[in-house]
C-alpha atoms as a PDB file:
ATOM      1  CA  MET A   1     144.886  22.598 -39.766  1.00  0.00           C
ATOM      2  CA  HIS A   2     142.001  22.079 -42.197  1.00  0.00           C
ATOM      3  CA  CYS A   3     140.435  18.906 -43.643  1.00  0.00           C
ATOM      4  CA  TRP A   4     137.830  18.164 -46.322  1.00  0.00           C
ATOM      5  CA  GLY A   5     136.314  15.293 -48.337  1.00  0.00           C
ATOM      6  CA  SER A   6     134.655  12.038 -47.261  1.00  0.00           C
ATOM      7  CA  ASN A   7     133.753  11.899 -43.578  1.00  0.00           C
ATOM      8  CA  ALA A   8     131.745   8.713 -42.976  1.00  0.00           C
ATOM      9  CA  VAL A   9     133.584   7.835 -39.744  1.00  0.00           C
ATOM     10  CA  GLY A  10     134.658  11.311 -38.695  1.00  0.00           C
ATOM     11  CA  GLN A  11     138.052  11.235 -40.400  1.00  0.00           C
ATOM     12  CA  LEU A  12     137.935  15.009 -40.944  1.00  0.00           C
ATOM     13  CA  GLY A  13     138.007  15.632 -37.190  1.00  0.00           C
ATOM     14  CA  LEU A  14     135.192  18.206 -37.347  1.00  0.00           C
ATOM     15  CA  ASP A  15     132.892  16.789 -34.621  1.00  0.00           C
ATOM     16  CA  GLY A  16     130.514  15.122 -37.039  1.00  0.00           C
ATOM     17  CA  THR A  17     130.271  12.867 -40.079  1.00  0.00           C
ATOM     18  CA  THR A  18     129.079  15.330 -42.701  1.00  0.00           C
ATOM     19  CA  PRO A  19     131.335  15.335 -45.783  1.00  0.00           C
ATOM     20  CA  ARG A  20     132.864  18.641 -46.827  1.00  0.00           C
ATOM     21  CA  LYS A  21     133.636  20.049 -50.254  1.00  0.00           C
ATOM     22  CA  SER A  22     135.662  22.871 -48.717  1.00  0.00           C
ATOM     23  CA  PRO A  23     138.255  22.932 -45.906  1.00  0.00           C
ATOM     24  CA  GLY A  24     137.009  22.817 -42.318  1.00  0.00           C
ATOM     25  CA  LYS A  25     139.191  23.799 -39.340  1.00  0.00           C
ATOM     26  CA  VAL A  26     140.264  21.046 -36.932  1.00  0.00           C
ATOM     27  CA  SER A  27     140.573  22.025 -33.268  1.00  0.00           C
ATOM     28  CA  ILE A  28     144.308  21.458 -32.959  1.00  0.00           C
ATOM     29  CA  GLU A  29     146.812  24.300 -33.053  1.00  0.00           C
ATOM     30  CA  ASP A  30     150.485  24.572 -33.979  1.00  0.00           C
ATOM     31  CA  ILE A  31     150.647  21.429 -36.131  1.00  0.00           C
ATOM     32  CA  HIS A  32     154.029  19.934 -36.996  1.00  0.00           C
ATOM     33  CA  GLN A  33     152.961  16.953 -39.164  1.00  0.00           C
ATOM     34  CA  ILE A  34     149.799  15.366 -40.610  1.00  0.00           C
ATOM     35  CA  ALA A  35     149.270  11.770 -41.801  1.00  0.00           C
ATOM     36  CA  ALA A  36     146.159  10.111 -43.237  1.00  0.00           C
ATOM     37  CA  GLY A  37     145.394   6.597 -44.433  1.00  0.00           C
ATOM     38  CA  GLY A  38     142.333   4.390 -44.802  1.00  0.00           C
ATOM     39  CA  ALA A  39     139.765   6.382 -42.833  1.00  0.00           C
ATOM     40  CA  THR A  40     142.057   7.465 -39.980  1.00  0.00           C
ATOM     41  CA  THR A  41     143.876  10.781 -39.632  1.00  0.00           C
ATOM     42  CA  CYS A  42     146.681  11.704 -37.229  1.00  0.00           C
ATOM     43  CA  ALA A  43     148.589  14.883 -36.427  1.00  0.00           C
ATOM     44  CA  ILE A  44     151.524  15.889 -34.236  1.00  0.00           C
ATOM     45  CA  ASP A  45     151.749  19.335 -32.670  1.00  0.00           C
ATOM     46  CA  ARG A  46     155.041  21.135 -32.157  1.00  0.00           C
ATOM     47  CA  SER A  47     155.305  19.965 -28.558  1.00  0.00           C
ATOM     48  CA  GLY A  48     155.297  16.325 -29.727  1.00  0.00           C
ATOM     49  CA  ARG A  49     151.726  15.443 -28.755  1.00  0.00           C
ATOM     50  CA  LEU A  50     150.000  12.940 -31.055  1.00  0.00           C
ATOM     51  CA  PHE A  51     146.297  13.087 -31.935  1.00  0.00           C
ATOM     52  CA  CYS A  52     144.298  10.668 -34.104  1.00  0.00           C
ATOM     53  CA  TRP A  53     140.658  10.488 -35.194  1.00  0.00           C
ATOM     54  CA  GLY A  54     138.335   8.700 -37.614  1.00  0.00           C
ATOM     55  CA  ARG A  55     138.179   4.910 -37.835  1.00  0.00           C
ATOM     56  CA  GLY A  56     139.345   3.033 -34.744  1.00  0.00           C
ATOM     57  CA  PHE A  57     137.678  -0.354 -35.123  1.00  0.00           C
ATOM     58  CA  GLU A  58     141.011  -2.213 -35.265  1.00  0.00           C
ATOM     59  CA  GLY A  59     142.817  -0.156 -32.663  1.00  0.00           C
ATOM     60  CA  GLN A  60     143.967   2.774 -34.786  1.00  0.00           C
ATOM     61  CA  LEU A  61     142.937   5.205 -32.036  1.00  0.00           C
ATOM     62  CA  ALA A  62     144.840   3.202 -29.381  1.00  0.00           C
ATOM     63  CA  ASP A  63     141.665   2.792 -27.306  1.00  0.00           C
ATOM     64  CA  ASP A  64     139.703  -0.471 -27.299  1.00  0.00           C
ATOM     65  CA  THR A  65     136.526   1.401 -26.373  1.00  0.00           C
ATOM     66  CA  LEU A  66     136.581   3.567 -29.513  1.00  0.00           C
ATOM     67  CA  ILE A  67     135.512   2.260 -32.911  1.00  0.00           C
ATOM     68  CA  ARG A  68     135.472   5.784 -34.313  1.00  0.00           C
ATOM     69  CA  SER A  69     135.881   9.392 -33.254  1.00  0.00           C
ATOM     70  CA  SER A  70     134.949  12.548 -35.112  1.00  0.00           C
ATOM     71  CA  SER A  71     137.155  14.681 -32.875  1.00  0.00           C
ATOM     72  CA  PRO A  72     140.898  14.394 -32.147  1.00  0.00           C
ATOM     73  CA  VAL A  73     141.928  11.842 -29.499  1.00  0.00           C
ATOM     74  CA  GLU A  74     145.311  12.299 -27.831  1.00  0.00           C
ATOM     75  CA  ILE A  75     147.472   9.164 -27.901  1.00  0.00           C
ATOM     76  CA  ARG A  76     150.356   8.817 -25.473  1.00  0.00           C
ATOM     77  CA  VAL A  77     153.264   6.837 -26.867  1.00  0.00           C
ATOM     78  CA  ASP A  78     155.787   5.755 -24.227  1.00  0.00           C
ATOM     79  CA  ASP A  79     155.199   9.106 -22.451  1.00  0.00           C
ATOM     80  CA  ALA A  80     157.666  10.632 -24.918  1.00  0.00           C
ATOM     81  CA  PRO A  81     157.368  13.359 -27.564  1.00  0.00           C
ATOM     82  CA  VAL A  82     156.425  11.969 -30.982  1.00  0.00           C
ATOM     83  CA  SER A  83     158.608  13.124 -33.875  1.00  0.00           C
ATOM     84  CA  GLN A  84     156.869  11.414 -36.812  1.00  0.00           C
ATOM     85  CA  VAL A  85     153.698   9.422 -37.520  1.00  0.00           C
ATOM     86  CA  SER A  86     152.470   7.372 -40.482  1.00  0.00           C
ATOM     87  CA  VAL A  87     149.025   5.889 -41.107  1.00  0.00           C
ATOM     88  CA  GLY A  88     148.371   2.827 -43.273  1.00  0.00           C
ATOM     89  CA  THR A  89     145.095   1.275 -44.363  1.00  0.00           C
ATOM     90  CA  ALA A  90     144.357   0.120 -40.802  1.00  0.00           C
ATOM     91  CA  HIS A  91     147.550   0.504 -38.758  1.00  0.00           C
ATOM     92  CA  VAL A  92     149.570   3.379 -37.345  1.00  0.00           C
ATOM     93  CA  CYS A  93     153.263   3.724 -36.482  1.00  0.00           C
ATOM     94  CA  ALA A  94     155.067   6.538 -34.681  1.00  0.00           C
ATOM     95  CA  VAL A  95     158.693   7.423 -33.956  1.00  0.00           C
ATOM     96  CA  VAL A  96     159.351   8.965 -30.544  1.00  0.00           C
ATOM     97  CA  SER A  97     162.331  10.926 -29.294  1.00  0.00           C
ATOM     98  CA  GLY A  98     165.324   8.668 -28.904  1.00  0.00           C
ATOM     99  CA  GLY A  99     164.506   6.775 -32.102  1.00  0.00           C
ATOM    100  CA  ARG A 100     162.107   4.167 -30.713  1.00  0.00           C
ATOM    101  CA  LEU A 101     159.354   2.915 -33.024  1.00  0.00           C
ATOM    102  CA  TYR A 102     155.831   2.006 -31.873  1.00  0.00           C
ATOM    103  CA  CYS A 103     153.002   0.527 -33.965  1.00  0.00           C
ATOM    104  CA  TRP A 104     149.334  -0.352 -33.338  1.00  0.00           C
ATOM    105  CA  GLY A 105     146.152  -1.331 -35.190  1.00  0.00           C
ATOM    106  CA  ARG A 106     145.597  -4.191 -37.638  1.00  0.00           C
ATOM    107  CA  ASN A 107     148.244  -6.935 -37.635  1.00  0.00           C
ATOM    108  CA  GLN A 108     146.979  -9.749 -39.857  1.00  0.00           C
ATOM    109  CA  SER A 109     150.248  -9.727 -41.838  1.00  0.00           C
ATOM    110  CA  GLY A 110     152.729  -8.806 -39.117  1.00  0.00           C
ATOM    111  CA  GLN A 111     152.796  -5.136 -40.151  1.00  0.00           C
ATOM    112  CA  LEU A 112     153.234  -4.138 -36.495  1.00  0.00           C
ATOM    113  CA  GLY A 113     156.587  -5.905 -36.368  1.00  0.00           C
ATOM    114  CA  ARG A 114     155.294  -8.685 -34.124  1.00  0.00           C
ATOM    115  CA  PRO A 115     153.698 -12.129 -34.743  1.00  0.00           C
ATOM    116  CA  ALA A 116     150.724 -11.843 -37.092  1.00  0.00           C
ATOM    117  CA  GLY A 117     147.335 -12.113 -35.471  1.00  0.00           C
ATOM    118  CA  GLY A 118     144.787  -9.893 -33.785  1.00  0.00           C
ATOM    119  CA  ALA A 119     144.867  -6.142 -33.736  1.00  0.00           C
ATOM    120  CA  SER A 120     146.725  -4.152 -31.088  1.00  0.00           C
ATOM    121  CA  HIS A 121     144.731  -1.403 -29.359  1.00  0.00           C
ATOM    122  CA  SER A 122     147.781   0.182 -27.778  1.00  0.00           C
ATOM    123  CA  PRO A 123     151.201   1.248 -29.083  1.00  0.00           C
ATOM    124  CA  ARG A 124     153.668  -1.661 -29.144  1.00  0.00           C
ATOM    125  CA  TRP A 125     157.408  -1.139 -29.266  1.00  0.00           C
ATOM    126  CA  VAL A 126     159.192  -2.604 -32.305  1.00  0.00           C
ATOM    127  CA  SER A 127     162.150  -3.639 -30.182  1.00  0.00           C
ATOM    128  CA  SER A 128     164.229  -5.130 -33.011  1.00  0.00           C
ATOM    129  CA  LEU A 129     164.895  -1.654 -34.458  1.00  0.00           C
ATOM    130  CA  ILE A 130     166.945   1.091 -32.822  1.00  0.00           C
ATOM    131  CA  ASP A 131     167.639   4.691 -33.757  1.00  0.00           C
ATOM    132  CA  VAL A 132     164.697   4.875 -36.156  1.00  0.00           C
ATOM    133  CA  ARG A 133     164.661   8.063 -38.215  1.00  0.00           C
ATOM    134  CA  SER A 134     161.423   7.692 -40.174  1.00  0.00           C
ATOM    135  CA  VAL A 135     158.600   5.221 -40.805  1.00  0.00           C
ATOM    136  CA  SER A 136     156.015   4.663 -43.543  1.00  0.00           C
ATOM    137  CA  CYS A 137     152.871   2.498 -43.379  1.00  0.00           C
ATOM    138  CA  GLY A 138     151.305   0.931 -46.479  1.00  0.00           C
ATOM    139  CA  ARG A 139     148.275  -1.274 -47.063  1.00  0.00           C
ATOM    140  CA  ALA A 140     149.571  -4.172 -44.949  1.00  0.00           C
ATOM    141  CA  HIS A 141     153.304  -3.520 -44.706  1.00  0.00           C
ATOM    142  CA  THR A 142     155.624  -1.065 -43.010  1.00  0.00           C
ATOM    143  CA  CYS A 143     159.081   0.309 -43.840  1.00  0.00           C
ATOM    144  CA  ALA A 144     161.510   2.332 -41.728  1.00  0.00           C
ATOM    145  CA  VAL A 145     164.857   4.070 -42.061  1.00  0.00           C
ATOM    146  CA  THR A 146     167.312   3.662 -39.184  1.00  0.00           C
ATOM    147  CA  SER A 147     170.856   4.891 -38.618  1.00  0.00           C
ATOM    148  CA  ILE A 148     172.239   1.553 -39.836  1.00  0.00           C
ATOM    149  CA  GLY A 149     169.880   0.634 -42.684  1.00  0.00           C
ATOM    150  CA  THR A 150     166.385   0.442 -44.119  1.00  0.00           C
ATOM    151  CA  TYR A 151     163.893  -2.289 -43.238  1.00  0.00           C
ATOM    152  CA  CYS A 152     160.450  -3.501 -44.354  1.00  0.00           C
ATOM    153  CA  TRP A 153     158.031  -6.019 -42.835  1.00  0.00           C
ATOM    154  CA  GLY A 154     154.440  -7.292 -43.023  1.00  0.00           C
ATOM    155  CA  SER A 155     152.657  -8.581 -46.127  1.00  0.00           C
ATOM    156  CA  ASN A 156     154.928  -9.262 -49.103  1.00  0.00           C
ATOM    157  CA  ALA A 157     152.204  -9.331 -51.754  1.00  0.00           C
ATOM    158  CA  TYR A 158     153.663  -8.261 -55.120  1.00  0.00           C
ATOM    159  CA  GLY A 159     157.124  -8.120 -53.525  1.00  0.00           C
ATOM    160  CA  VAL A 160     156.467  -4.866 -51.619  1.00  0.00           C
ATOM    161  CA  LEU A 161     159.084  -5.716 -48.987  1.00  0.00           C
ATOM    162  CA  GLY A 162     161.912  -5.614 -51.531  1.00  0.00           C
ATOM    163  CA  ILE A 163     163.560  -8.791 -50.221  1.00  0.00           C
ATOM    164  CA  GLY A 164     163.724 -10.662 -53.540  1.00  0.00           C
ATOM    165  CA  ALA A 165     160.613 -12.787 -53.054  1.00  0.00           C
ATOM    166  CA  ASP A 166     156.946 -12.453 -53.953  1.00  0.00           C
ATOM    167  CA  GLY A 167     154.232 -13.878 -51.751  1.00  0.00           C
ATOM    168  CA  SER A 168     151.591 -13.197 -49.152  1.00  0.00           C
ATOM    169  CA  GLU A 169     153.406 -14.974 -46.309  1.00  0.00           C
ATOM    170  CA  ALA A 170     153.826 -12.591 -43.395  1.00  0.00           C
ATOM    171  CA  GLN A 171     157.307 -11.207 -42.654  1.00  0.00           C
ATOM    172  CA  GLU A 172     156.941 -10.412 -38.974  1.00  0.00           C
ATOM    173  CA  GLU A 173     160.524  -9.346 -38.312  1.00  0.00           C
ATOM    174  CA  PRO A 174     161.922  -6.252 -40.048  1.00  0.00           C
ATOM    175  CA  ALA A 175     163.929  -7.410 -43.076  1.00  0.00           C
ATOM    176  CA  PRO A 176     166.887  -5.301 -44.274  1.00  0.00           C
ATOM    177  CA  LEU A 177     166.902  -3.859 -47.782  1.00  0.00           C
ATOM    178  CA  ASP A 178     169.978  -4.105 -49.956  1.00  0.00           C
ATOM    179  CA  LEU A 179     170.103  -0.354 -50.379  1.00  0.00           C
ATOM    180  CA  ARG A 180     172.519   2.116 -48.818  1.00  0.00           C
ATOM    181  CA  ASN A 181     172.328   5.813 -47.905  1.00  0.00           C
ATOM    182  CA  VAL A 182     168.535   5.956 -47.959  1.00  0.00           C
ATOM    183  CA  GLY A 183     167.178   9.375 -47.122  1.00  0.00           C
ATOM    184  CA  SER A 184     163.533   8.361 -46.882  1.00  0.00           C
ATOM    185  CA  VAL A 185     161.340   5.329 -47.572  1.00  0.00           C
ATOM    186  CA  TYR A 186     157.705   5.144 -48.686  1.00  0.00           C
ATOM    187  CA  ALA A 187     155.188   2.290 -48.364  1.00  0.00           C
ATOM    188  CA  GLY A 188     152.274   2.429 -50.820  1.00  0.00           C
ATOM    189  CA  TYR A 189     149.289   0.212 -51.460  1.00  0.00           C
ATOM    190  CA  MET A 190     151.094  -2.430 -53.524  1.00  0.00           C
ATOM    191  CA  HIS A 191     154.470  -0.793 -54.200  1.00  0.00           C
ATOM    192  CA  SER A 192     157.256   0.825 -52.208  1.00  0.00           C
ATOM    193  CA  ALA A 193     159.951   3.405 -52.851  1.00  0.00           C
ATOM    194  CA  ALA A 194     163.063   5.013 -51.443  1.00  0.00           C
ATOM    195  CA  LEU A 195     165.012   8.187 -52.132  1.00  0.00           C
ATOM    196  CA  VAL A 196     168.805   8.032 -52.306  1.00  0.00           C
ATOM    197  CA  ALA A 197     170.369  11.443 -52.940  1.00  0.00           C
ATOM    198  CA  GLY A 198     167.335  12.443 -54.976  1.00  0.00           C
ATOM    199  CA  ARG A 199     167.279   9.248 -57.041  1.00  0.00           C
ATOM    200  CA  VAL A 200     164.065   7.198 -56.986  1.00  0.00           C
ATOM    201  CA  PHE A 201     164.213   3.455 -56.290  1.00  0.00           C
ATOM    202  CA  MET A 202     161.026   1.357 -56.414  1.00  0.00           C
ATOM    203  CA  TRP A 203     159.871  -2.222 -55.950  1.00  0.00           C
ATOM    204  CA  GLY A 204     156.589  -4.127 -55.835  1.00  0.00           C
ATOM    205  CA  SER A 205     153.725  -3.783 -58.298  1.00  0.00           C
ATOM    206  CA  ASN A 206     154.248  -1.744 -61.475  1.00  0.00           C
ATOM    207  CA  ASP A 207     151.218  -2.948 -63.421  1.00  0.00           C
ATOM    208  CA  VAL A 208     149.844   0.539 -64.107  1.00  0.00           C
ATOM    209  CA  GLY A 209     153.066   2.548 -64.350  1.00  0.00           C
ATOM    210  CA  GLN A 210     153.677   3.262 -60.662  1.00  0.00           C
ATOM    211  CA  TYR A 211     157.471   3.372 -61.214  1.00  0.00           C
ATOM    212  CA  GLY A 212     157.263   6.264 -63.688  1.00  0.00           C
ATOM    213  CA  ASN A 213     159.877   4.810 -66.015  1.00  0.00           C
ATOM    214  CA  GLY A 214     157.563   3.776 -68.855  1.00  0.00           C
ATOM    215  CA  ILE A 215     158.539   0.116 -68.461  1.00  0.00           C
ATOM    216  CA  PRO A 216     155.730  -2.226 -67.240  1.00  0.00           C
ATOM    217  CA  ILE A 217     158.027  -4.557 -65.304  1.00  0.00           C
ATOM    218  CA  SER A 218     157.655  -5.144 -61.556  1.00  0.00           C
ATOM    219  CA  GLU A 219     160.732  -5.661 -59.394  1.00  0.00           C
ATOM    220  CA  LEU A 220     161.245  -7.718 -56.228  1.00  0.00           C
ATOM    221  CA  VAL A 221     164.218  -5.682 -54.975  1.00  0.00           C
ATOM    222  CA  PRO A 222     164.876  -1.930 -54.886  1.00  0.00           C
ATOM    223  CA  THR A 223     165.552  -0.862 -58.471  1.00  0.00           C
ATOM    224  CA  TYR A 224     166.587   2.545 -59.788  1.00  0.00           C
ATOM    225  CA  THR A 225     163.764   3.918 -61.926  1.00  0.00           C
ATOM    226  CA  GLY A 226     165.815   6.497 -63.771  1.00  0.00           C
ATOM    227  CA  LEU A 227     163.998   9.317 -61.991  1.00  0.00           C
ATOM    228  CA  SER A 228     166.192  11.763 -60.098  1.00  0.00           C
ATOM    229  CA  GLY A 229     166.198  15.231 -58.606  1.00  0.00           C
ATOM    230  CA  MET A 230     163.343  14.427 -56.204  1.00  0.00           C
ATOM    231  CA  GLN A 231     163.075  15.758 -52.652  1.00  0.00           C
ATOM    232  CA  LYS A 232     159.845  13.983 -51.597  1.00  0.00           C
ATOM    233  CA  LEU A 233     157.560  11.186 -52.778  1.00  0.00           C
ATOM    234  CA  GLY A 234     154.022  10.069 -52.036  1.00  0.00           C
ATOM    235  CA  LEU A 235     152.602   6.643 -52.944  1.00  0.00           C
ATOM    236  CA  GLY A 236     148.926   5.714 -53.234  1.00  0.00           C
ATOM    237  CA  ASP A 237     146.774   2.964 -54.711  1.00  0.00           C
ATOM    238  CA  GLY A 238     148.309   2.393 -58.146  1.00  0.00           C
ATOM    239  CA  PHE A 239     149.996   5.776 -58.464  1.00  0.00           C
ATOM    240  CA  SER A 240     152.942   7.843 -57.241  1.00  0.00           C
ATOM    241  CA  CYS A 241     153.724  11.541 -56.897  1.00  0.00           C
ATOM    242  CA  GLY A 242     157.007  13.351 -56.503  1.00  0.00           C
ATOM    243  CA  LEU A 243     158.112  16.861 -55.582  1.00  0.00           C
ATOM    244  CA  SER A 244     161.274  17.803 -57.448  1.00  0.00           C
ATOM    245  CA  GLU A 245     164.190  19.729 -56.021  1.00  0.00           C
ATOM    246  CA  THR A 246     162.909  22.704 -58.034  1.00  0.00           C
ATOM    247  CA  ASN A 247     159.480  22.362 -56.330  1.00  0.00           C
ATOM    248  CA  VAL A 248     157.658  20.956 -59.362  1.00  0.00           C
ATOM    249  CA  LEU A 249     154.943  18.441 -58.413  1.00  0.00           C
ATOM    250  CA  GLN A 250     154.417  15.507 -60.771  1.00  0.00           C
ATOM    251  CA  CYS A 251     152.352  12.320 -60.582  1.00  0.00           C
ATOM    252  CA  TRP A 252     152.257   9.065 -62.548  1.00  0.00           C
ATOM    253  CA  GLY A 253     150.515   5.687 -62.663  1.00  0.00           C
ATOM    254  CA  TYR A 254     146.775   4.948 -62.551  1.00  0.00           C
ATOM    255  CA  GLY A 255     144.708   8.012 -63.403  1.00  0.00           C
ATOM    256  CA  GLU A 256     141.159   6.941 -62.552  1.00  0.00           C
ATOM    257  CA  ASP A 257     139.106   9.511 -60.590  1.00  0.00           C
ATOM    258  CA  GLY A 258     141.609  12.207 -61.560  1.00  0.00           C
ATOM    259  CA  ARG A 259     144.148  11.105 -58.977  1.00  0.00           C
ATOM    260  CA  LEU A 260     147.110  12.322 -61.065  1.00  0.00           C
ATOM    261  CA  GLY A 261     145.839  15.906 -60.972  1.00  0.00           C
ATOM    262  CA  THR A 262     146.230  16.437 -64.709  1.00  0.00           C
ATOM    263  CA  GLY A 263     142.651  17.475 -65.392  1.00  0.00           C
ATOM    264  CA  THR A 264     141.852  14.087 -66.956  1.00  0.00           C
ATOM    265  CA  THR A 265     141.345  10.477 -65.828  1.00  0.00           C
ATOM    266  CA  GLU A 266     144.057   9.147 -68.141  1.00  0.00           C
ATOM    267  CA  SER A 267     146.866   7.019 -66.720  1.00  0.00           C
ATOM    268  CA  SER A 268     150.532   7.744 -67.380  1.00  0.00           C
ATOM    269  CA  SER A 269     153.583   5.513 -67.011  1.00  0.00           C
ATOM    270  CA  VAL A 270     155.864   8.570 -66.887  1.00  0.00           C
ATOM    271  CA  PRO A 271     155.701  11.656 -64.655  1.00  0.00           C
ATOM    272  CA  VAL A 272     153.221  14.355 -65.699  1.00  0.00           C
ATOM    273  CA  PRO A 273     152.883  17.815 -64.105  1.00  0.00           C
ATOM    274  CA  VAL A 274     149.990  18.452 -61.735  1.00  0.00           C
ATOM    275  CA  LEU A 275     147.766  21.235 -63.091  1.00  0.00           C
ATOM    276  CA  TRP A 276     147.080  23.984 -60.563  1.00  0.00           C
ATOM    277  CA  PRO A 277     143.978  26.217 -60.727  1.00  0.00           C
END
């Protein structure tokens, strides 16, 4: 595993805070999955052990004595192997074997699936959900796919929860989405998405073309964007990316700082191919 870029709080996991313009090797072997958000990074090895590093001020490292760490810290979650992890702006959620979901970190909007308030410095079970298959953490909200449906909770700014309302009032209990056969769900900064048999559904903010359909209208419930043939998505701050079933990577939305990978800083309300060196 290699990391590079900004490193002010040790989020590269390289035993220091010096930024890197080229990849540096992290001291974890046999990695199964990586997740990064805010200034915290997490990884799962193939035995199901979870490690996190970087910012820990609000409990992201599951240790109330750590405000940051520049080297990987192992986090035990229910003494069970971890199958998937997601990192938001300041909270972390993980699915363990058996389909139980645990979350920790910032909780000002109920994004941990419990009453909004202070941060949690240890993994807390989201007991209202069973048989969780995947989870995604956004800025201040969380979404998960279970065997019986898809749910979102936390801040509902810009309608990111997809429940037909728009507001900042915390939704502390997971709320079901009116969407069936979801393969995966994605929580972004101010928008969310789901894949259903390769078709892309989105909701929340669409002010800079995050939906990729060329129509600057935001939706409060999951809405088909017209995009299809996708196998994976990734959502960021004002932009989205998708990997097609033919392994073509495209991005769309806000283009500042070159985040669309097109070689320019121009925005696009429709998918554009990422330019490779």
